[in-house]
Amino acid sequence: MQQRGLTSSRGRKVGDPAGGMSWLNELECARTATWACQAARDIIAAVITMLPQDPKMPIISHFHYWLTQI
């Protein structure tokens, strides 16, 4: 995640002292939160698109429609 620039410090550079911020503090930033929300949304969308469209299950059709609207 540091290599992708998603953490607070973006990782150590050559010559930086060892230690520094804990991994939990590294993840507490807007970039990580944005990435996590987008990843969760993409996973949910992928699962919904894999569901069969069955007239006996109208809620699935509703989810498929919802995906086309966002």
Protein backbone atom coordinates (compact mmCIF):
# COMPACT_ATOMS: atom_id res chain seq x y z
CA MET A 1 0.00 0.00 0.00
CA GLN A 2 2.93 2.31 0.65
CA GLN A 3 4.26 1.70 -2.85
CA ARG A 4 0.88 2.74 -4.25
CA GLY A 5 0.91 5.93 -2.16
CA LEU A 6 -2.08 4.89 -0.06
CA THR A 7 -0.53 5.35 3.38
CA SER A 8 0.25 8.39 5.47
CA SER A 9 4.02 8.43 4.94
CA ARG A 10 4.29 6.69 1.57
CA GLY A 11 7.08 4.52 3.00
CA ARG A 12 10.71 4.89 4.02
CA LYS A 13 13.29 6.36 1.70
CA VAL A 14 16.98 5.48 1.50
CA GLY A 15 18.76 6.96 4.49
CA ASP A 16 15.62 7.32 6.66
CA PRO A 17 16.05 6.04 10.22
CA ALA A 18 14.48 2.70 11.12
CA GLY A 19 11.23 2.69 13.04
CA GLY A 20 8.76 5.47 12.52
CA MET A 21 5.00 5.19 12.36
CA SER A 22 3.07 2.05 13.28
CA TRP A 23 1.30 0.23 10.46
CA LEU A 24 -2.10 1.11 11.96
CA ASN A 25 -1.26 4.82 11.96
CA GLU A 26 0.03 4.45 8.39
CA LEU A 27 -3.41 3.24 7.29
CA GLU A 28 -5.39 5.98 9.04
CA CYS A 29 -5.62 8.43 6.16
CA ALA A 30 -8.08 9.52 3.50
CA ARG A 31 -6.21 7.77 0.68
CA THR A 32 -6.54 4.37 2.36
CA ALA A 33 -10.21 4.98 3.22
CA THR A 34 -11.01 5.98 -0.36
CA TRP A 35 -9.24 2.92 -1.74
CA ALA A 36 -11.04 0.61 0.72
CA CYS A 37 -14.48 2.00 -0.11
CA GLN A 38 -13.88 1.74 -3.86
CA ALA A 39 -12.54 -1.81 -3.52
CA ALA A 40 -15.58 -2.87 -1.47
CA ARG A 41 -17.92 -1.28 -4.02
CA ASP A 42 -16.18 -3.06 -6.89
CA ILE A 43 -16.38 -6.42 -5.11
CA ILE A 44 -20.10 -5.98 -4.41
CA ALA A 45 -20.73 -4.98 -8.03
CA ALA A 46 -18.82 -8.04 -9.27
CA VAL A 47 -20.85 -10.38 -7.06
CA ILE A 48 -24.14 -8.81 -8.17
CA THR A 49 -23.25 -9.16 -11.85
CA MET A 50 -22.56 -12.87 -11.30
CA LEU A 51 -26.03 -13.48 -9.85
CA PRO A 52 -28.47 -15.00 -12.31
CA GLN A 53 -31.41 -12.89 -13.36
CA ASP A 54 -34.39 -14.96 -12.32
CA PRO A 55 -37.98 -13.67 -12.59
CA LYS A 56 -38.77 -15.56 -9.38
CA MET A 57 -36.23 -13.40 -7.54
CA PRO A 58 -37.07 -9.78 -8.40
CA ILE A 59 -34.64 -8.36 -5.86
CA ILE A 60 -31.72 -9.57 -7.98
CA SER A 61 -33.17 -7.73 -10.98
CA HIS A 62 -33.41 -4.65 -8.79
CA PHE A 63 -29.70 -4.94 -7.92
CA HIS A 64 -28.79 -5.35 -11.59
CA TYR A 65 -30.80 -2.22 -12.39
CA TRP A 66 -29.15 -0.35 -9.50
CA LEU A 67 -25.71 -1.15 -10.94
CA THR A 68 -26.62 0.44 -14.26
CA GLN A 69 -27.64 3.65 -12.49
CA ILE A 70 -24.37 4.32 -10.64
